[in-house]
Amino acid sequence: MKYQFILILSLLLASNMVFSQEAAQWRGKDRDGIYDETGLLRAWPADGPKLLWHYDNLGDGHSSAAVVSHDRIFISGALNGKGSIFAFTLDGKLIWCTPYGDEWTESYPGSRSTPLVDEGKVYLMSAFGKIVCLAADKGNLLWSVDIIKDFDARNIVWGLTENLLIEGDKLFCTAGGITNNVIALNKKTGKLIWSNPGNGEISAYCSPALITLPTRKIVVTMTEKSILGLDAETGKKLWSHEQVNMYAVHANTPVFSNGYLYCVSGYGYGGVMLKLSPDGLKIEEVWKNAALDTRIGGVVLLKGRIYGLGDKIKGMHCLDWMTGEELAFDKFNGKPGVVIAADGMLYTYDETGEVALVEPTLAGIKKVSSFKVPFGSAQHWAHPVIENGRLYIRHGNSLMVYDIRK
């Protein structure tokens, strides 16, 4: 009996250690929309891949699922104007649901931000600037910060929207205040570590990227009229670059590869490629291209090519990473949407509710399979997620989970 108890205790401790080390965040582990999966279907049945389960009581929202691969799914939603974080088992059983406060009830109501899971804790920011930290196992509140009250943040037209970023002990957030423009909080306590005035602009719905260089790490985000690069350790602003469109919406996470940084905005503005100096202290504009102007759908970089769904020129665009030349275009449904990638294939989810499996080829772009999501309500804006051979699609009040393994 003694040895059995020791064995059980050891297994429980090992399980907790695994959970505490697991992480899940916006658009995958590198925030670039690429999921490290293999052995996935290269084509789907006519009615789509097998639907494993769905949950239809999330309330309003456009956030994605955050999937911790071994046993948990986290997602946010809003019921009667009150936001909550939900935790599920992988087979769809609700483990806990924790309210975190008021959520957006005006145009396009609901939760905006995807939970961030790190070292056994779940982080999220509401549309009213309340950042909460919950225990991942039981959902109890560990700390909260109101960035509007505490850091003079300014709210924006469709509510503060940011998928939070963690590096080391720092939790980064664009408050959009004149003095406290970009801030870093201690992820364990919520206390301020550093603050930078940036360019004094309001936030712009952007979820930041983290660039790792030999000499420093840089947080890159977009505010009302600017791309900002800040030293992740000290908060010092290293550089900025003008990025202006008609509604100050810059919702796409920047993409970095081999010394080059691509930032793209919708409403006809398009993207810009910047070259960073080896020490990250300087930038140089390389090219611009307005054809690909995804509004909120992100882009992916595969084999030297950028793929995304346009806003003004609707359809799938393929650009050369180094030159910005458009290499291919397909109208698809003629609607904006989201793109992610896994196992060498593209996955799109557009505003008609169509989910498509797309093969990128040297000749262009080939739609292989597609289906319409059967459940949910309101806008088709949430970014899909792939984890352990499963495709997670959120449509308003519904979360649908599909088996896409061979």
Protein backbone atom coordinates (compact mmCIF):
# COMPACT_ATOMS: atom_id res chain seq x y z
CA MET A 1 0.00 0.00 0.00
CA LYS A 2 2.86 2.39 0.86
CA TYR A 3 4.51 1.83 -2.52
CA GLN A 4 1.18 2.27 -4.32
CA PHE A 5 0.67 5.59 -2.54
CA ILE A 6 4.17 6.75 -3.50
CA LEU A 7 3.57 5.73 -7.13
CA ILE A 8 0.25 7.60 -7.30
CA LEU A 9 1.79 10.68 -5.67
CA SER A 10 4.69 10.57 -8.13
CA LEU A 11 2.32 10.36 -11.10
CA LEU A 12 0.28 13.29 -9.79
CA LEU A 13 3.40 15.39 -9.26
CA ALA A 14 4.68 14.50 -12.74
CA SER A 15 1.32 15.46 -14.23
CA ASN A 16 1.37 18.82 -12.45
CA MET A 17 4.95 19.45 -13.59
CA VAL A 18 3.96 18.78 -17.23
CA PHE A 19 0.95 21.07 -16.92
CA SER A 20 3.00 23.87 -15.34
CA GLN A 21 5.45 23.75 -18.25
CA GLU A 22 2.83 23.70 -20.99
CA ALA A 23 1.98 26.90 -22.83
CA ALA A 24 -0.70 27.93 -25.29
CA GLN A 25 -1.21 31.27 -26.95
CA TRP A 26 -2.54 33.26 -29.88
CA ARG A 27 -1.75 31.74 -33.32
CA GLY A 28 0.51 28.99 -32.02
CA LYS A 29 3.75 28.72 -30.10
CA ASP A 30 5.53 31.35 -32.21
CA ARG A 31 2.42 33.52 -32.76
CA ASP A 32 2.92 33.17 -36.53
CA GLY A 33 -0.10 31.02 -37.42
CA ILE A 34 2.01 27.92 -38.11
CA TYR A 35 1.24 24.79 -36.09
CA ASP A 36 3.89 22.07 -35.76
CA GLU A 37 1.69 19.15 -36.74
CA THR A 38 2.29 16.19 -39.04
CA GLY A 39 0.22 13.27 -40.30
CA LEU A 40 -2.79 15.41 -41.18
CA LEU A 41 -5.35 14.70 -43.89
CA ARG A 42 -4.42 15.98 -47.36
CA ALA A 43 -8.10 16.09 -48.36
CA TRP A 44 -11.42 16.03 -46.49
CA PRO A 45 -14.69 14.20 -47.16
CA ALA A 46 -17.31 16.23 -49.03
CA ASP A 47 -19.06 17.22 -45.80
CA GLY A 48 -15.81 18.00 -44.01
CA PRO A 49 -13.67 16.13 -41.47
CA LYS A 50 -15.25 14.25 -38.59
CA LEU A 51 -16.85 16.51 -35.98
CA LEU A 52 -15.81 15.13 -32.60
CA TRP A 53 -17.86 17.45 -30.40
CA HIS A 54 -19.23 20.96 -30.09
CA TYR A 55 -20.18 23.26 -27.22
CA ASP A 56 -22.83 25.90 -27.87
CA ASN A 57 -23.06 28.05 -24.74
CA LEU A 58 -19.97 30.25 -24.88
CA GLY A 59 -21.97 33.43 -25.41
CA ASP A 60 -20.77 36.25 -27.62
CA GLY A 61 -17.16 36.47 -28.74
CA HIS A 62 -14.52 36.25 -31.42
CA SER A 63 -11.64 34.77 -29.43
CA SER A 64 -9.88 31.53 -30.29
CA ALA A 65 -9.25 28.43 -28.23
CA ALA A 66 -5.99 28.05 -26.33
CA VAL A 67 -5.21 24.33 -26.25
CA VAL A 68 -2.77 22.82 -23.78
CA SER A 69 -1.93 19.63 -25.62
CA HIS A 70 -2.16 17.07 -22.85
CA ASP A 71 -5.57 17.84 -21.34
CA ARG A 72 -7.05 21.35 -21.37
CA ILE A 73 -8.83 23.82 -23.65
CA PHE A 74 -9.39 27.44 -22.61
CA ILE A 75 -11.62 29.97 -24.35
CA SER A 76 -13.44 33.20 -23.48
CA GLY A 77 -17.02 34.27 -24.06
CA ALA A 78 -19.61 36.77 -22.81
CA LEU A 79 -23.11 36.07 -21.53
CA ASN A 80 -25.38 39.07 -20.88
CA GLY A 81 -22.41 41.41 -21.11
CA LYS A 82 -20.32 39.55 -18.54
CA GLY A 83 -17.12 37.90 -19.71
CA SER A 84 -15.97 34.45 -18.60
CA ILE A 85 -13.10 32.07 -19.25
CA PHE A 86 -14.12 28.45 -19.86
CA ALA A 87 -11.91 25.41 -19.30
CA PHE A 88 -12.71 22.07 -21.00
CA THR A 89 -11.24 18.61 -21.16
CA LEU A 90 -10.14 17.46 -24.60
CA ASP A 91 -13.41 15.54 -25.00
CA GLY A 92 -15.51 18.64 -24.33
CA LYS A 93 -16.40 18.32 -20.65
CA LEU A 94 -16.65 21.70 -18.92
CA ILE A 95 -14.22 21.78 -15.98
CA TRP A 96 -14.75 25.33 -14.77
CA CYS A 97 -16.09 28.69 -15.88
CA THR A 98 -14.83 31.85 -14.19
CA PRO A 99 -16.39 35.30 -14.72
CA TYR A 100 -13.87 38.14 -15.09
CA GLY A 101 -16.09 41.20 -15.43
CA ASP A 102 -17.81 43.38 -18.01
CA GLU A 103 -17.37 42.70 -21.71
CA TRP A 104 -18.22 44.61 -24.87
CA THR A 105 -21.95 45.00 -25.60
CA GLU A 106 -21.88 47.64 -28.35
CA SER A 107 -21.05 46.96 -32.01
CA TYR A 108 -19.81 43.38 -32.46
CA PRO A 109 -20.41 42.38 -28.82
CA GLY A 110 -18.49 39.75 -26.93
CA SER A 111 -15.04 38.74 -25.76
CA ARG A 112 -12.15 39.72 -28.00
CA SER A 113 -9.00 38.17 -26.54
CA THR A 114 -7.74 34.59 -26.58
CA PRO A 115 -6.54 33.23 -23.22
CA LEU A 116 -2.77 32.98 -22.77
CA VAL A 117 -1.62 29.91 -20.81
CA ASP A 118 1.79 29.93 -19.15
CA GLU A 119 3.23 27.90 -16.25
CA GLY A 120 -0.12 26.80 -14.88
CA LYS A 121 -1.78 30.21 -15.14
CA VAL A 122 -4.29 31.72 -17.59
CA TYR A 123 -4.13 35.39 -18.62
CA LEU A 124 -6.65 37.51 -20.51
CA MET A 125 -7.51 41.17 -21.15
CA SER A 126 -11.11 42.34 -21.47
CA ALA A 127 -12.37 44.97 -23.91
CA PHE A 128 -12.43 47.37 -20.95
CA GLY A 129 -8.77 46.87 -20.10
CA LYS A 130 -9.09 44.49 -17.17
CA ILE A 131 -6.23 41.98 -17.15
CA VAL A 132 -6.86 38.84 -15.11
CA CYS A 133 -4.64 35.97 -14.04
CA LEU A 134 -6.35 32.70 -13.12
CA ALA A 135 -5.08 29.35 -11.88
CA ALA A 136 -5.32 26.95 -14.81
CA ASP A 137 -6.31 23.95 -12.72
CA LYS A 138 -9.28 25.39 -10.81
CA GLY A 139 -9.96 28.78 -12.40
CA ASN A 140 -9.62 30.85 -9.23
CA LEU A 141 -8.52 34.48 -9.61
CA LEU A 142 -4.91 35.11 -8.63
CA TRP A 143 -4.66 38.80 -9.51
CA SER A 144 -6.19 41.48 -11.72
CA VAL A 145 -5.17 44.90 -13.03
CA ASP A 146 -7.36 47.60 -14.56
CA ILE A 147 -5.10 49.35 -17.09
CA ILE A 148 -7.62 52.16 -17.69
CA LYS A 149 -7.69 53.08 -13.99
CA ASP A 150 -4.15 52.13 -13.06
CA PHE A 151 -2.21 53.18 -16.17
CA ASP A 152 -4.37 55.82 -17.87
CA ALA A 153 -5.11 53.54 -20.82
CA ARG A 154 -7.58 54.85 -23.39
CA ASN A 155 -10.31 52.68 -24.82
CA ILE A 156 -10.90 52.51 -28.57
CA VAL A 157 -13.82 52.27 -30.99
CA TRP A 158 -14.46 48.51 -30.79
CA GLY A 159 -12.97 47.89 -27.35
CA LEU A 160 -9.42 47.11 -26.29
CA THR A 161 -8.34 43.98 -28.13
CA GLU A 162 -4.99 42.32 -27.57
CA ASN A 163 -3.80 38.76 -27.22
CA LEU A 164 -1.25 39.10 -24.46
CA LEU A 165 2.42 38.13 -24.75
CA ILE A 166 4.77 36.68 -22.12
CA GLU A 167 8.56 36.50 -22.12
CA GLY A 168 10.31 35.33 -18.96
CA ASP A 169 8.60 37.02 -16.01
CA LYS A 170 7.10 39.82 -18.11
CA LEU A 171 3.55 40.15 -19.42
CA PHE A 172 3.37 42.77 -22.21
CA CYS A 173 0.39 44.98 -22.99
CA THR A 174 -0.28 48.07 -25.12
CA ALA A 175 -2.24 50.33 -22.78
CA GLY A 176 -2.32 53.14 -25.32
CA GLY A 177 -1.88 55.87 -22.73
CA ILE A 178 0.09 59.03 -23.42
CA THR A 179 2.64 58.20 -20.72
CA ASN A 180 2.01 54.50 -20.22
CA ASN A 181 1.79 53.50 -23.86
CA VAL A 182 3.35 50.03 -23.76
CA ILE A 183 3.85 48.34 -20.40
CA ALA A 184 5.35 45.16 -18.93
CA LEU A 185 3.77 43.64 -15.84
CA ASN A 186 5.16 40.96 -13.56
CA LYS A 187 3.27 37.85 -14.64
CA LYS A 188 3.18 36.51 -11.08
CA THR A 189 1.86 39.63 -9.33
CA GLY A 190 0.58 42.11 -11.94
CA LYS A 191 2.98 44.76 -10.66
CA LEU A 192 4.53 47.17 -13.16
CA ILE A 193 8.06 46.30 -14.32
CA TRP A 194 8.48 48.98 -16.99
CA SER A 195 6.51 51.52 -18.98
CA ASN A 196 7.30 53.31 -22.23
CA PRO A 197 5.47 56.32 -23.74
CA GLY A 198 5.93 54.94 -27.27
CA ASN A 199 4.61 57.58 -29.67
CA GLY A 200 1.72 58.50 -27.36
CA GLU A 201 -0.85 56.90 -29.67
CA ILE A 202 -3.90 54.83 -28.82
CA SER A 203 -3.66 51.07 -29.22
CA ALA A 204 -4.73 49.55 -32.53
CA TYR A 205 -6.06 46.01 -31.81
CA CYS A 206 -2.58 44.56 -32.40
CA SER A 207 -1.27 41.45 -30.65
CA PRO A 208 2.51 41.88 -30.34
CA ALA A 209 5.29 39.68 -31.67
CA LEU A 210 8.55 38.80 -29.94
CA ILE A 211 11.78 38.95 -31.95
CA THR A 212 14.80 37.07 -30.60
CA LEU A 213 18.20 38.40 -31.71
CA PRO A 214 21.68 37.42 -30.49
CA THR A 215 21.99 40.53 -28.31
CA ARG A 216 18.40 41.28 -27.28
CA LYS A 217 14.72 40.44 -27.53
CA ILE A 218 12.35 42.97 -29.07
CA VAL A 219 8.61 43.42 -28.59
CA VAL A 220 7.01 44.61 -31.83
CA THR A 221 3.49 46.01 -31.91
CA MET A 222 1.43 48.51 -33.87
CA THR A 223 -0.33 51.53 -32.41
CA GLU A 224 -2.62 54.11 -34.05
CA LYS A 225 -0.09 55.34 -36.65
CA SER A 226 3.11 53.43 -35.93
CA ILE A 227 5.03 50.19 -35.81
CA LEU A 228 7.00 50.14 -32.54
CA GLY A 229 10.08 48.14 -31.57
CA LEU A 230 10.94 48.05 -27.84
CA ASP A 231 13.65 46.27 -25.90
CA ALA A 232 11.82 43.47 -24.07
CA GLU A 233 14.09 43.64 -21.02
CA THR A 234 14.21 47.39 -20.40
CA GLY A 235 11.23 48.78 -22.32
CA LYS A 236 13.41 51.25 -24.21
CA LYS A 237 11.97 52.28 -27.58
CA LEU A 238 14.50 51.27 -30.23
CA TRP A 239 12.69 52.52 -33.34
CA SER A 240 9.32 53.29 -34.91
CA HIS A 241 7.98 53.32 -38.46
CA GLU A 242 4.87 55.04 -39.79
CA GLN A 243 1.86 52.77 -40.43
CA VAL A 244 -1.37 54.66 -41.13
CA ASN A 245 -4.73 53.49 -42.43
CA MET A 246 -8.20 55.02 -42.37
CA TYR A 247 -9.51 53.45 -39.14
CA ALA A 248 -6.34 53.00 -37.05
CA VAL A 249 -6.92 49.22 -37.09
CA HIS A 250 -3.68 47.20 -37.19
CA ALA A 251 -4.90 43.87 -35.86
CA ASN A 252 -2.36 41.51 -37.44
CA THR A 253 0.61 40.20 -35.49
CA PRO A 254 3.91 41.13 -37.21
CA VAL A 255 5.93 38.27 -38.74
CA PHE A 256 9.72 38.05 -38.40
CA SER A 257 12.21 35.80 -40.22
CA ASN A 258 15.96 35.97 -40.78
CA GLY A 259 16.37 39.66 -40.05
CA TYR A 260 13.23 40.83 -41.86
CA LEU A 261 9.95 42.04 -40.33
CA TYR A 262 6.61 42.11 -42.19
CA CYS A 263 3.71 44.20 -40.89
CA VAL A 264 0.35 44.31 -42.68
CA SER A 265 -2.86 46.30 -42.19
CA GLY A 266 -6.30 46.32 -43.81
CA TYR A 267 -8.59 48.88 -45.44
CA GLY A 268 -6.40 49.07 -48.55
CA TYR A 269 -3.14 49.94 -46.78
CA GLY A 270 -1.29 46.63 -47.20
CA GLY A 271 2.06 45.53 -45.91
CA VAL A 272 5.58 46.80 -45.43
CA MET A 273 8.83 44.83 -45.15
CA LEU A 274 11.47 46.18 -42.78
CA LYS A 275 15.06 44.99 -42.45
CA LEU A 276 16.48 44.99 -38.93
CA SER A 277 20.12 45.63 -38.19
CA PRO A 278 21.85 42.65 -36.49
CA ASP A 279 21.66 44.40 -33.11
CA GLY A 280 18.02 45.35 -33.63
CA LEU A 281 18.64 49.06 -33.12
CA LYS A 282 17.83 50.20 -36.65
CA ILE A 283 15.33 49.43 -39.39
CA GLU A 284 15.29 50.01 -43.13
CA GLU A 285 12.23 49.86 -45.38
CA VAL A 286 12.68 47.21 -48.10
CA TRP A 287 9.35 47.13 -49.95
CA LYS A 288 5.62 47.85 -49.73
CA ASN A 289 2.68 46.02 -51.29
CA ALA A 290 -0.95 47.13 -50.94
CA ALA A 291 -2.53 44.12 -52.73
CA LEU A 292 -2.48 41.92 -49.63
CA ASP A 293 -4.26 44.00 -46.99
CA THR A 294 -5.79 41.50 -44.59
CA ARG A 295 -7.74 43.31 -41.90
CA ILE A 296 -7.85 40.85 -38.98
CA GLY A 297 -7.01 37.48 -40.57
CA GLY A 298 -3.23 37.33 -40.22
CA VAL A 299 -0.73 35.89 -42.67
CA VAL A 300 1.61 32.91 -42.74
CA LEU A 301 5.11 32.53 -44.18
CA LEU A 302 5.86 29.24 -45.93
CA LYS A 303 8.99 28.55 -47.99
CA GLY A 304 9.72 32.20 -48.69
CA ARG A 305 6.12 33.10 -49.55
CA ILE A 306 3.54 35.13 -47.65
CA TYR A 307 -0.08 33.93 -47.79
CA GLY A 308 -3.14 35.87 -46.65
CA LEU A 309 -6.73 36.77 -47.51
CA GLY A 310 -7.16 40.35 -48.72
CA ASP A 311 -9.63 42.95 -47.53
CA LYS A 312 -9.99 45.38 -50.44
CA ILE A 313 -8.85 42.94 -53.15
CA LYS A 314 -10.61 39.92 -51.71
CA GLY A 315 -9.14 36.47 -52.20
CA MET A 316 -5.95 34.56 -51.39
CA HIS A 317 -2.74 36.47 -52.13
CA CYS A 318 0.75 34.98 -52.33
CA LEU A 319 3.71 37.37 -52.11
CA ASP A 320 7.44 36.82 -52.38
CA TRP A 321 8.97 37.42 -48.92
CA MET A 322 12.08 39.21 -50.18
CA THR A 323 10.61 41.35 -52.97
CA GLY A 324 6.89 41.78 -52.25
CA GLU A 325 6.03 40.64 -55.78
CA GLU A 326 2.61 39.00 -56.05
CA LEU A 327 3.26 35.45 -57.20
CA ALA A 328 -0.30 34.12 -57.19
CA PHE A 329 -3.91 35.14 -56.51
CA ASP A 330 -7.16 33.20 -56.20
CA LYS A 331 -10.52 34.87 -55.65
CA PHE A 332 -11.85 31.99 -53.49
CA ASN A 333 -15.26 33.10 -52.10
CA GLY A 334 -14.46 36.76 -52.50
CA LYS A 335 -14.64 37.32 -48.74
CA PRO A 336 -12.03 38.30 -46.13
CA GLY A 337 -10.88 35.66 -43.69
CA VAL A 338 -8.22 34.02 -41.57
CA VAL A 339 -5.29 31.85 -42.64
CA ILE A 340 -3.16 29.43 -40.61
CA ALA A 341 -0.87 26.55 -41.67
CA ALA A 342 0.12 23.05 -40.63
CA ASP A 343 1.89 20.09 -42.25
CA GLY A 344 2.64 22.13 -45.38
CA MET A 345 -1.01 23.03 -46.02
CA LEU A 346 -3.00 26.23 -45.55
CA TYR A 347 -6.27 26.40 -43.63
CA THR A 348 -8.65 29.31 -44.21
CA TYR A 349 -11.81 30.38 -42.43
CA ASP A 350 -13.68 33.16 -44.19
CA GLU A 351 -16.59 35.45 -43.39
CA THR A 352 -19.07 33.15 -45.15
CA GLY A 353 -18.29 30.42 -42.61
CA GLU A 354 -16.34 28.29 -45.07
CA VAL A 355 -13.33 26.38 -43.77
CA ALA A 356 -10.97 25.39 -46.59
CA LEU A 357 -7.91 23.19 -46.94
CA VAL A 358 -5.53 24.80 -49.42
CA GLU A 359 -2.38 23.44 -51.03
CA PRO A 360 0.35 25.98 -51.80
CA THR A 361 2.16 24.95 -54.98
CA LEU A 362 4.91 26.43 -57.10
CA ALA A 363 2.28 27.24 -59.70
CA GLY A 364 -0.05 28.97 -57.28
CA ILE A 365 -2.79 28.10 -54.81
CA LYS A 366 -5.11 25.08 -54.94
CA LYS A 367 -8.24 24.73 -52.84
CA VAL A 368 -8.45 21.00 -52.05
CA SER A 369 -11.47 20.68 -49.75
CA SER A 370 -13.96 22.85 -47.89
CA PHE A 371 -17.03 22.78 -45.66
CA LYS A 372 -19.35 25.23 -43.90
CA VAL A 373 -19.40 25.35 -40.10
CA PRO A 374 -22.77 24.01 -38.89
CA PHE A 375 -23.11 25.76 -35.54
CA GLY A 376 -22.69 29.17 -33.97
CA SER A 377 -23.78 32.74 -34.48
CA ALA A 378 -22.67 36.21 -35.62
CA GLN A 379 -19.33 36.91 -37.29
CA HIS A 380 -16.86 34.27 -38.48
CA TRP A 381 -13.80 36.07 -37.12
CA ALA A 382 -12.11 33.73 -34.64
CA HIS A 383 -8.78 32.27 -35.73
CA PRO A 384 -8.75 28.46 -36.05
CA VAL A 385 -6.34 26.39 -33.95
CA ILE A 386 -4.69 23.04 -34.66
CA GLU A 387 -3.38 20.84 -31.87
CA ASN A 388 -2.76 17.08 -31.70
CA GLY A 389 -4.49 16.42 -35.00
CA ARG A 390 -7.59 18.39 -34.10
CA LEU A 391 -8.97 21.53 -35.72
CA TYR A 392 -10.71 23.98 -33.37
CA ILE A 393 -13.21 26.39 -34.95
CA ARG A 394 -15.04 29.02 -32.92
CA HIS A 395 -18.15 30.70 -34.33
CA GLY A 396 -19.73 33.04 -31.82
CA ASN A 397 -21.37 30.97 -29.08
CA SER A 398 -20.07 27.64 -30.47
CA LEU A 399 -16.77 25.81 -30.33
CA MET A 400 -16.42 22.92 -32.82
CA VAL A 401 -13.64 20.34 -32.72
CA TYR A 402 -12.76 18.25 -35.81
CA ASP A 403 -10.48 15.25 -36.27
CA ILE A 404 -8.09 16.05 -39.15
CA ARG A 405 -5.61 13.21 -38.65
CA LYS A 406 -4.98 10.66 -41.39
